[in-house]
Amino acid sequence: MGQYSQRSAEGATIDAVRAGRNPALAMSAKPAVMLWLGPVDLVSRMPEAVLADAGGVAGRRTVLWPMTVAALSASLAEGTVPDAVFSALFWRAGDVLEVARVLSVGGYRGRYRVIVPPLPQPDMVRREVRAAHPELDFDLIPLERKGSTPG
């Protein structure tokens, strides 16, 4: 995954929270913290610059934390506010609408980006998520077809 720092999904709570430090201060300090929900192999195919740009943290050092939906909910409840959240469209343990709901309920109002394979009508997905959760800054990041690189 390039220069990203990684953690297992089991240890999904941010180190600062586990150490008892103020999570709001820990999350706002550099590096930029981006969360990932979904299969790690999918996000590992995205260049770091593409994710940083999509997450609104271009030019900053980034840390990408793999996380489960349950851990995301718990982290938001503890006051953790990431710089950006990324996920797959759907995977074995969750989907875009579930993540959007957890983010909304948790008070998150930042960038939520979903990495998607080429879709016949990506605007349908955008409209559905934005209609259900207008408070999120939501968009899709299309994954290029095999053999080409995104961005």
N, C-alpha and C. Protein backbone atom coordinates (compact mmCIF):
# COMPACT_ATOMS: atom_id res chain seq x y z
N MET A 1 0.81 -1.18 0.00
CA MET A 1 0.00 0.00 0.00
C MET A 1 0.86 1.25 0.00
N GLY A 2 1.95 1.22 -0.68
CA GLY A 2 2.77 2.41 -0.78
C GLY A 2 3.31 2.85 0.57
N GLN A 3 3.19 4.16 0.86
CA GLN A 3 3.75 4.71 2.08
C GLN A 3 2.74 4.78 3.20
N TYR A 4 1.58 4.18 3.04
CA TYR A 4 0.58 4.20 4.09
C TYR A 4 1.02 3.36 5.27
N SER A 5 0.71 3.81 6.45
CA SER A 5 0.85 2.97 7.62
C SER A 5 -0.39 2.10 7.68
N GLN A 6 -0.26 0.87 8.10
CA GLN A 6 -1.40 -0.03 8.13
C GLN A 6 -1.59 -0.61 9.52
N ARG A 7 -2.84 -0.98 9.81
CA ARG A 7 -3.18 -1.69 11.05
C ARG A 7 -4.20 -2.74 10.69
N SER A 8 -4.28 -3.76 11.49
CA SER A 8 -5.28 -4.78 11.25
C SER A 8 -6.65 -4.27 11.64
N ALA A 9 -7.70 -4.88 11.10
CA ALA A 9 -9.07 -4.48 11.42
C ALA A 9 -9.37 -4.72 12.89
N GLU A 10 -8.74 -5.73 13.49
CA GLU A 10 -8.98 -6.02 14.91
C GLU A 10 -8.50 -4.87 15.80
N GLY A 11 -7.47 -4.18 15.39
CA GLY A 11 -6.93 -3.08 16.17
C GLY A 11 -7.35 -1.75 15.59
N ALA A 12 -8.59 -1.66 15.16
CA ALA A 12 -9.04 -0.52 14.37
C ALA A 12 -9.14 0.79 15.13
N THR A 13 -9.20 0.76 16.44
CA THR A 13 -9.28 2.03 17.17
C THR A 13 -7.94 2.75 17.04
N ILE A 14 -7.99 4.01 16.75
CA ILE A 14 -6.78 4.81 16.55
C ILE A 14 -5.90 4.74 17.80
N ASP A 15 -4.58 4.66 17.58
CA ASP A 15 -3.63 4.56 18.70
C ASP A 15 -3.82 5.67 19.72
N ALA A 16 -4.10 6.86 19.25
CA ALA A 16 -4.25 7.98 20.19
C ALA A 16 -5.41 7.73 21.14
N VAL A 17 -6.48 7.18 20.64
CA VAL A 17 -7.64 6.90 21.48
C VAL A 17 -7.27 5.82 22.49
N ARG A 18 -6.59 4.79 22.02
CA ARG A 18 -6.20 3.70 22.91
C ARG A 18 -5.25 4.18 24.00
N ALA A 19 -4.43 5.18 23.67
CA ALA A 19 -3.46 5.69 24.64
C ALA A 19 -4.09 6.71 25.58
N GLY A 20 -5.37 7.04 25.36
CA GLY A 20 -6.05 7.95 26.25
C GLY A 20 -5.84 9.42 25.93
N ARG A 21 -5.22 9.73 24.77
CA ARG A 21 -5.06 11.12 24.38
C ARG A 21 -6.35 11.63 23.76
N ASN A 22 -6.50 12.91 23.71
CA ASN A 22 -7.67 13.53 23.11
C ASN A 22 -7.72 13.17 21.63
N PRO A 23 -8.73 12.38 21.19
CA PRO A 23 -8.77 11.94 19.80
C PRO A 23 -8.93 13.10 18.83
N ALA A 24 -9.63 14.16 19.18
CA ALA A 24 -9.81 15.29 18.27
C ALA A 24 -8.46 15.94 17.97
N LEU A 25 -7.62 16.09 18.99
CA LEU A 25 -6.31 16.67 18.77
C LEU A 25 -5.42 15.72 17.99
N ALA A 26 -5.50 14.45 18.32
CA ALA A 26 -4.66 13.47 17.63
C ALA A 26 -5.03 13.37 16.17
N MET A 27 -6.31 13.46 15.85
CA MET A 27 -6.73 13.32 14.46
C MET A 27 -6.44 14.57 13.65
N SER A 28 -6.44 15.77 14.26
CA SER A 28 -6.25 16.98 13.49
C SER A 28 -4.77 17.26 13.24
N ALA A 29 -3.88 16.65 14.03
CA ALA A 29 -2.45 16.84 13.84
C ALA A 29 -1.99 16.09 12.61
N LYS A 30 -0.86 16.50 12.05
CA LYS A 30 -0.32 15.78 10.90
C LYS A 30 0.20 14.44 11.40
N PRO A 31 0.15 13.40 10.67
CA PRO A 31 -0.30 13.28 9.29
C PRO A 31 -1.82 13.23 9.17
N ALA A 32 -2.28 13.36 7.94
CA ALA A 32 -3.72 13.25 7.68
C ALA A 32 -4.15 11.81 7.88
N VAL A 33 -5.25 11.60 8.59
CA VAL A 33 -5.74 10.26 8.86
C VAL A 33 -6.94 9.96 7.97
N MET A 34 -6.80 8.90 7.20
CA MET A 34 -7.86 8.45 6.32
C MET A 34 -8.23 7.03 6.72
N LEU A 35 -9.52 6.74 6.77
CA LEU A 35 -9.99 5.41 7.15
C LEU A 35 -10.40 4.63 5.92
N TRP A 36 -10.18 3.31 5.96
CA TRP A 36 -10.56 2.43 4.85
C TRP A 36 -11.46 1.32 5.37
N LEU A 37 -12.59 1.11 4.71
CA LEU A 37 -13.50 0.01 5.02
C LEU A 37 -13.68 -0.81 3.76
N GLY A 38 -13.33 -2.06 3.82
CA GLY A 38 -13.47 -2.95 2.67
C GLY A 38 -12.22 -3.79 2.49
N PRO A 39 -12.17 -4.54 1.40
CA PRO A 39 -11.01 -5.40 1.15
C PRO A 39 -9.75 -4.57 0.91
N VAL A 40 -8.69 -4.89 1.64
CA VAL A 40 -7.44 -4.13 1.54
C VAL A 40 -6.85 -4.21 0.13
N ASP A 41 -7.02 -5.33 -0.57
CA ASP A 41 -6.45 -5.45 -1.90
C ASP A 41 -7.03 -4.42 -2.87
N LEU A 42 -8.25 -3.97 -2.65
CA LEU A 42 -8.85 -2.97 -3.52
C LEU A 42 -8.18 -1.61 -3.35
N VAL A 43 -8.02 -1.15 -2.14
CA VAL A 43 -7.41 0.16 -1.90
C VAL A 43 -5.92 0.14 -2.21
N SER A 44 -5.29 -1.01 -2.11
CA SER A 44 -3.86 -1.09 -2.39
C SER A 44 -3.56 -0.86 -3.87
N ARG A 45 -4.57 -0.96 -4.72
CA ARG A 45 -4.40 -0.73 -6.15
C ARG A 45 -4.47 0.76 -6.51
N MET A 46 -4.81 1.60 -5.56
CA MET A 46 -4.94 3.04 -5.81
C MET A 46 -3.64 3.75 -5.42
N PRO A 47 -3.10 4.59 -6.32
CA PRO A 47 -1.91 5.37 -5.95
C PRO A 47 -2.21 6.30 -4.79
N GLU A 48 -1.23 6.48 -3.92
CA GLU A 48 -1.40 7.33 -2.74
C GLU A 48 -1.85 8.74 -3.12
N ALA A 49 -1.30 9.29 -4.19
CA ALA A 49 -1.65 10.65 -4.60
C ALA A 49 -3.13 10.76 -4.96
N VAL A 50 -3.70 9.72 -5.57
CA VAL A 50 -5.12 9.74 -5.94
C VAL A 50 -5.97 9.77 -4.67
N LEU A 51 -5.63 8.94 -3.70
CA LEU A 51 -6.39 8.92 -2.45
C LEU A 51 -6.23 10.23 -1.68
N ALA A 52 -5.02 10.74 -1.60
CA ALA A 52 -4.79 11.99 -0.87
C ALA A 52 -5.56 13.14 -1.51
N ASP A 53 -5.55 13.20 -2.84
CA ASP A 53 -6.28 14.25 -3.54
C ASP A 53 -7.78 14.10 -3.31
N ALA A 54 -8.29 12.89 -3.45
CA ALA A 54 -9.73 12.65 -3.25
C ALA A 54 -10.13 12.90 -1.81
N GLY A 55 -9.22 12.65 -0.88
CA GLY A 55 -9.51 12.86 0.53
C GLY A 55 -9.30 14.30 0.98
N GLY A 56 -8.86 15.16 0.06
CA GLY A 56 -8.66 16.56 0.40
C GLY A 56 -7.42 16.83 1.23
N VAL A 57 -6.48 15.90 1.19
CA VAL A 57 -5.28 16.06 2.01
C VAL A 57 -4.01 16.01 1.16
N ALA A 58 -4.12 16.41 -0.10
CA ALA A 58 -2.96 16.40 -1.00
C ALA A 58 -1.84 17.23 -0.40
N GLY A 59 -0.62 16.74 -0.51
CA GLY A 59 0.54 17.44 0.01
C GLY A 59 0.84 17.13 1.46
N ARG A 60 -0.03 16.42 2.14
CA ARG A 60 0.22 16.04 3.53
C ARG A 60 0.60 14.56 3.59
N ARG A 61 1.40 14.21 4.56
CA ARG A 61 1.70 12.81 4.80
C ARG A 61 0.40 12.16 5.27
N THR A 62 0.13 10.96 4.80
CA THR A 62 -1.13 10.30 5.13
C THR A 62 -0.92 8.99 5.85
N VAL A 63 -1.90 8.64 6.65
CA VAL A 63 -1.96 7.34 7.31
C VAL A 63 -3.32 6.76 6.96
N LEU A 64 -3.33 5.57 6.43
CA LEU A 64 -4.58 4.90 6.06
C LEU A 64 -4.84 3.78 7.05
N TRP A 65 -5.96 3.86 7.77
CA TRP A 65 -6.31 2.88 8.80
C TRP A 65 -7.39 1.95 8.30
N PRO A 66 -7.10 0.67 8.12
CA PRO A 66 -8.17 -0.29 7.83
C PRO A 66 -9.11 -0.38 9.03
N MET A 67 -10.39 -0.47 8.78
CA MET A 67 -11.37 -0.43 9.87
C MET A 67 -12.62 -1.21 9.50
N THR A 68 -13.26 -1.79 10.49
CA THR A 68 -14.55 -2.44 10.27
C THR A 68 -15.65 -1.40 10.48
N VAL A 69 -16.86 -1.72 10.05
CA VAL A 69 -17.99 -0.81 10.24
C VAL A 69 -18.26 -0.62 11.72
N ALA A 70 -18.20 -1.70 12.50
CA ALA A 70 -18.43 -1.61 13.94
C ALA A 70 -17.37 -0.72 14.61
N ALA A 71 -16.11 -0.87 14.21
CA ALA A 71 -15.04 -0.05 14.78
C ALA A 71 -15.20 1.41 14.38
N LEU A 72 -15.68 1.66 13.16
CA LEU A 72 -15.94 3.03 12.72
C LEU A 72 -16.99 3.67 13.61
N SER A 73 -18.06 2.95 13.86
CA SER A 73 -19.13 3.45 14.72
C SER A 73 -18.59 3.78 16.12
N ALA A 74 -17.80 2.88 16.67
CA ALA A 74 -17.23 3.09 18.01
C ALA A 74 -16.28 4.28 18.02
N SER A 75 -15.45 4.41 17.00
CA SER A 75 -14.50 5.52 16.93
C SER A 75 -15.21 6.87 16.84
N LEU A 76 -16.26 6.93 16.04
CA LEU A 76 -17.03 8.18 15.93
C LEU A 76 -17.71 8.50 17.25
N ALA A 77 -18.21 7.47 17.92
CA ALA A 77 -18.86 7.68 19.22
C ALA A 77 -17.87 8.21 20.26
N GLU A 78 -16.59 7.85 20.11
CA GLU A 78 -15.54 8.32 21.02
C GLU A 78 -15.05 9.72 20.67
N GLY A 79 -15.55 10.27 19.56
CA GLY A 79 -15.16 11.62 19.17
C GLY A 79 -14.04 11.70 18.15
N THR A 80 -13.62 10.58 17.61
CA THR A 80 -12.58 10.56 16.60
C THR A 80 -13.14 11.11 15.29
N VAL A 81 -12.44 12.07 14.69
CA VAL A 81 -12.89 12.66 13.43
C VAL A 81 -11.77 12.51 12.40
N PRO A 82 -11.91 11.59 11.45
CA PRO A 82 -10.87 11.40 10.43
C PRO A 82 -10.89 12.52 9.40
N ASP A 83 -9.80 12.66 8.66
CA ASP A 83 -9.75 13.64 7.58
C ASP A 83 -10.59 13.20 6.39
N ALA A 84 -10.66 11.90 6.15
CA ALA A 84 -11.45 11.36 5.04
C ALA A 84 -11.74 9.89 5.32
N VAL A 85 -12.82 9.40 4.71
CA VAL A 85 -13.20 8.00 4.83
C VAL A 85 -13.36 7.44 3.43
N PHE A 86 -12.82 6.25 3.22
CA PHE A 86 -12.91 5.55 1.94
C PHE A 86 -13.50 4.17 2.19
N SER A 87 -14.22 3.65 1.19
CA SER A 87 -14.68 2.27 1.29
C SER A 87 -14.88 1.71 -0.11
N ALA A 88 -15.12 0.41 -0.13
CA ALA A 88 -15.56 -0.26 -1.34
C ALA A 88 -17.06 0.01 -1.49
N LEU A 89 -17.61 -0.27 -2.65
CA LEU A 89 -19.05 -0.11 -2.87
C LEU A 89 -19.82 -1.11 -2.01
N PHE A 90 -19.37 -2.34 -2.01
CA PHE A 90 -19.92 -3.37 -1.12
C PHE A 90 -18.86 -4.44 -0.96
N TRP A 91 -18.92 -5.14 0.15
CA TRP A 91 -18.00 -6.23 0.44
C TRP A 91 -18.69 -7.15 1.43
N ARG A 92 -18.03 -8.21 1.79
CA ARG A 92 -18.63 -9.24 2.64
C ARG A 92 -19.20 -8.68 3.94
N ALA A 93 -18.55 -7.67 4.52
CA ALA A 93 -18.96 -7.20 5.84
C ALA A 93 -19.66 -5.83 5.83
N GLY A 94 -20.01 -5.31 4.66
CA GLY A 94 -20.67 -4.01 4.64
C GLY A 94 -20.91 -3.48 3.24
N ASP A 95 -21.49 -2.29 3.19
CA ASP A 95 -21.71 -1.63 1.89
C ASP A 95 -21.75 -0.12 2.08
N VAL A 96 -21.80 0.59 0.98
CA VAL A 96 -21.74 2.04 0.97
C VAL A 96 -22.85 2.68 1.80
N LEU A 97 -24.06 2.16 1.72
CA LEU A 97 -25.17 2.77 2.46
C LEU A 97 -25.02 2.55 3.97
N GLU A 98 -24.49 1.42 4.36
CA GLU A 98 -24.27 1.16 5.79
C GLU A 98 -23.20 2.10 6.34
N VAL A 99 -22.12 2.26 5.60
CA VAL A 99 -21.06 3.18 6.04
C VAL A 99 -21.59 4.61 6.10
N ALA A 100 -22.33 5.03 5.08
CA ALA A 100 -22.89 6.39 5.06
C ALA A 100 -23.81 6.61 6.26
N ARG A 101 -24.60 5.61 6.61
CA ARG A 101 -25.50 5.73 7.76
C ARG A 101 -24.70 5.88 9.05
N VAL A 102 -23.67 5.05 9.22
CA VAL A 102 -22.84 5.12 10.43
C VAL A 102 -22.15 6.48 10.51
N LEU A 103 -21.64 6.98 9.40
CA LEU A 103 -20.99 8.29 9.39
C LEU A 103 -21.97 9.39 9.78
N SER A 104 -23.17 9.34 9.20
CA SER A 104 -24.18 10.36 9.50
C SER A 104 -24.61 10.33 10.96
N VAL A 105 -24.91 9.14 11.45
CA VAL A 105 -25.33 8.99 12.85
C VAL A 105 -24.21 9.44 13.79
N GLY A 106 -22.96 9.19 13.40
CA GLY A 106 -21.82 9.57 14.22
C GLY A 106 -21.45 11.04 14.13
N GLY A 107 -22.17 11.80 13.31
CA GLY A 107 -21.92 13.23 13.21
C GLY A 107 -20.82 13.63 12.25
N TYR A 108 -20.30 12.68 11.48
CA TYR A 108 -19.23 12.99 10.52
C TYR A 108 -19.80 13.82 9.37
N ARG A 109 -19.10 14.87 8.98
CA ARG A 109 -19.56 15.75 7.91
C ARG A 109 -18.48 15.96 6.85
N GLY A 110 -17.48 15.10 6.86
CA GLY A 110 -16.34 15.26 5.94
C GLY A 110 -16.49 14.46 4.66
N ARG A 111 -15.36 14.23 4.05
CA ARG A 111 -15.31 13.52 2.76
C ARG A 111 -15.46 12.02 2.95
N TYR A 112 -16.38 11.46 2.17
CA TYR A 112 -16.57 10.02 2.10
C TYR A 112 -16.48 9.64 0.63
N ARG A 113 -15.47 8.86 0.29
CA ARG A 113 -15.23 8.46 -1.09
C ARG A 113 -15.31 6.94 -1.19
N VAL A 114 -15.90 6.47 -2.28
CA VAL A 114 -16.08 5.04 -2.50
C VAL A 114 -15.36 4.65 -3.79
N ILE A 115 -14.48 3.67 -3.67
CA ILE A 115 -13.76 3.16 -4.83
C ILE A 115 -14.65 2.14 -5.51
N VAL A 116 -14.91 2.36 -6.79
CA VAL A 116 -15.84 1.50 -7.52
C VAL A 116 -15.21 1.00 -8.81
N PRO A 117 -15.62 -0.20 -9.23
CA PRO A 117 -15.23 -0.66 -10.56
C PRO A 117 -15.99 0.17 -11.59
N PRO A 118 -15.64 0.05 -12.86
CA PRO A 118 -16.42 0.78 -13.87
C PRO A 118 -17.90 0.40 -13.74
N LEU A 119 -18.77 1.40 -13.60
CA LEU A 119 -20.20 1.18 -13.44
C LEU A 119 -20.94 1.74 -14.65
N PRO A 120 -22.04 1.09 -15.06
CA PRO A 120 -22.80 1.61 -16.20
C PRO A 120 -23.48 2.95 -15.89
N GLN A 121 -23.90 3.16 -14.64
CA GLN A 121 -24.58 4.39 -14.26
C GLN A 121 -24.13 4.86 -12.87
N PRO A 122 -22.91 5.38 -12.78
CA PRO A 122 -22.39 5.78 -11.46
C PRO A 122 -23.23 6.90 -10.81
N ASP A 123 -23.88 7.72 -11.61
CA ASP A 123 -24.69 8.80 -11.03
C ASP A 123 -25.88 8.27 -10.24
N MET A 124 -26.34 7.07 -10.54
CA MET A 124 -27.42 6.46 -9.75
C MET A 124 -26.96 6.23 -8.31
N VAL A 125 -25.74 5.74 -8.17
CA VAL A 125 -25.19 5.50 -6.82
C VAL A 125 -25.01 6.84 -6.11
N ARG A 126 -24.44 7.82 -6.81
CA ARG A 126 -24.25 9.14 -6.20
C ARG A 126 -25.58 9.71 -5.71
N ARG A 127 -26.60 9.67 -6.56
CA ARG A 127 -27.90 10.24 -6.19
C ARG A 127 -28.50 9.53 -4.98
N GLU A 128 -28.42 8.20 -4.96
CA GLU A 128 -29.01 7.44 -3.86
C GLU A 128 -28.35 7.77 -2.52
N VAL A 129 -27.02 7.79 -2.50
CA VAL A 129 -26.31 8.08 -1.25
C VAL A 129 -26.51 9.54 -0.84
N ARG A 130 -26.40 10.45 -1.78
CA ARG A 130 -26.57 11.88 -1.46
C ARG A 130 -27.99 12.19 -1.00
N ALA A 131 -28.99 11.51 -1.57
CA ALA A 131 -30.37 11.74 -1.14
C ALA A 131 -30.59 11.24 0.29
N ALA A 132 -30.01 10.11 0.62
CA ALA A 132 -30.17 9.53 1.96
C ALA A 132 -29.32 10.25 3.01
N HIS A 133 -28.17 10.80 2.58
CA HIS A 133 -27.21 11.40 3.53
C HIS A 133 -26.63 12.68 2.94
N PRO A 134 -27.45 13.73 2.79
CA PRO A 134 -26.97 14.96 2.15
C PRO A 134 -25.89 15.69 2.95
N GLU A 135 -25.75 15.37 4.22
CA GLU A 135 -24.75 16.03 5.06
C GLU A 135 -23.33 15.57 4.75
N LEU A 136 -23.18 14.45 4.04
CA LEU A 136 -21.85 13.93 3.72
C LEU A 136 -21.34 14.55 2.42
N ASP A 137 -20.04 14.74 2.34
CA ASP A 137 -19.37 15.14 1.11
C ASP A 137 -19.02 13.83 0.41
N PHE A 138 -19.95 13.33 -0.41
CA PHE A 138 -19.85 11.99 -0.97
C PHE A 138 -19.50 12.03 -2.46
N ASP A 139 -18.63 11.11 -2.87
CA ASP A 139 -18.36 10.93 -4.29
C ASP A 139 -17.75 9.55 -4.52
N LEU A 140 -17.65 9.20 -5.80
CA LEU A 140 -17.08 7.93 -6.22
C LEU A 140 -15.70 8.16 -6.83
N ILE A 141 -14.83 7.19 -6.64
CA ILE A 141 -13.53 7.16 -7.30
C ILE A 141 -13.53 5.93 -8.19
N PRO A 142 -13.63 6.13 -9.49
CA PRO A 142 -13.65 4.96 -10.38
C PRO A 142 -12.29 4.27 -10.44
N LEU A 143 -12.33 2.97 -10.31
CA LEU A 143 -11.13 2.15 -10.43
C LEU A 143 -10.97 1.86 -11.92
N GLU A 144 -9.81 2.15 -12.43
CA GLU A 144 -9.58 1.95 -13.85
C GLU A 144 -9.59 0.46 -14.21
N ARG A 145 -9.89 0.20 -15.45
CA ARG A 145 -9.88 -1.19 -15.92
C ARG A 145 -8.47 -1.75 -15.80
N LYS A 146 -8.36 -3.08 -15.71
CA LYS A 146 -7.06 -3.74 -15.58
C LYS A 146 -6.13 -3.28 -16.69
N GLY A 147 -4.89 -3.03 -16.30
CA GLY A 147 -3.90 -2.63 -17.26
C GLY A 147 -3.70 -1.12 -17.36
N SER A 148 -4.60 -0.34 -16.76
CA SER A 148 -4.43 1.10 -16.76
C SER A 148 -4.33 1.58 -15.32
N THR A 149 -3.82 2.78 -15.15
CA THR A 149 -3.67 3.31 -13.80
C THR A 149 -4.61 4.48 -13.59
N PRO A 150 -5.24 4.55 -12.40
CA PRO A 150 -6.14 5.67 -12.12
C PRO A 150 -5.37 6.97 -11.98
N GLY A 151 -6.12 8.06 -12.18
CA GLY A 151 -5.58 9.39 -11.93
C GLY A 151 -4.81 9.87 -13.08
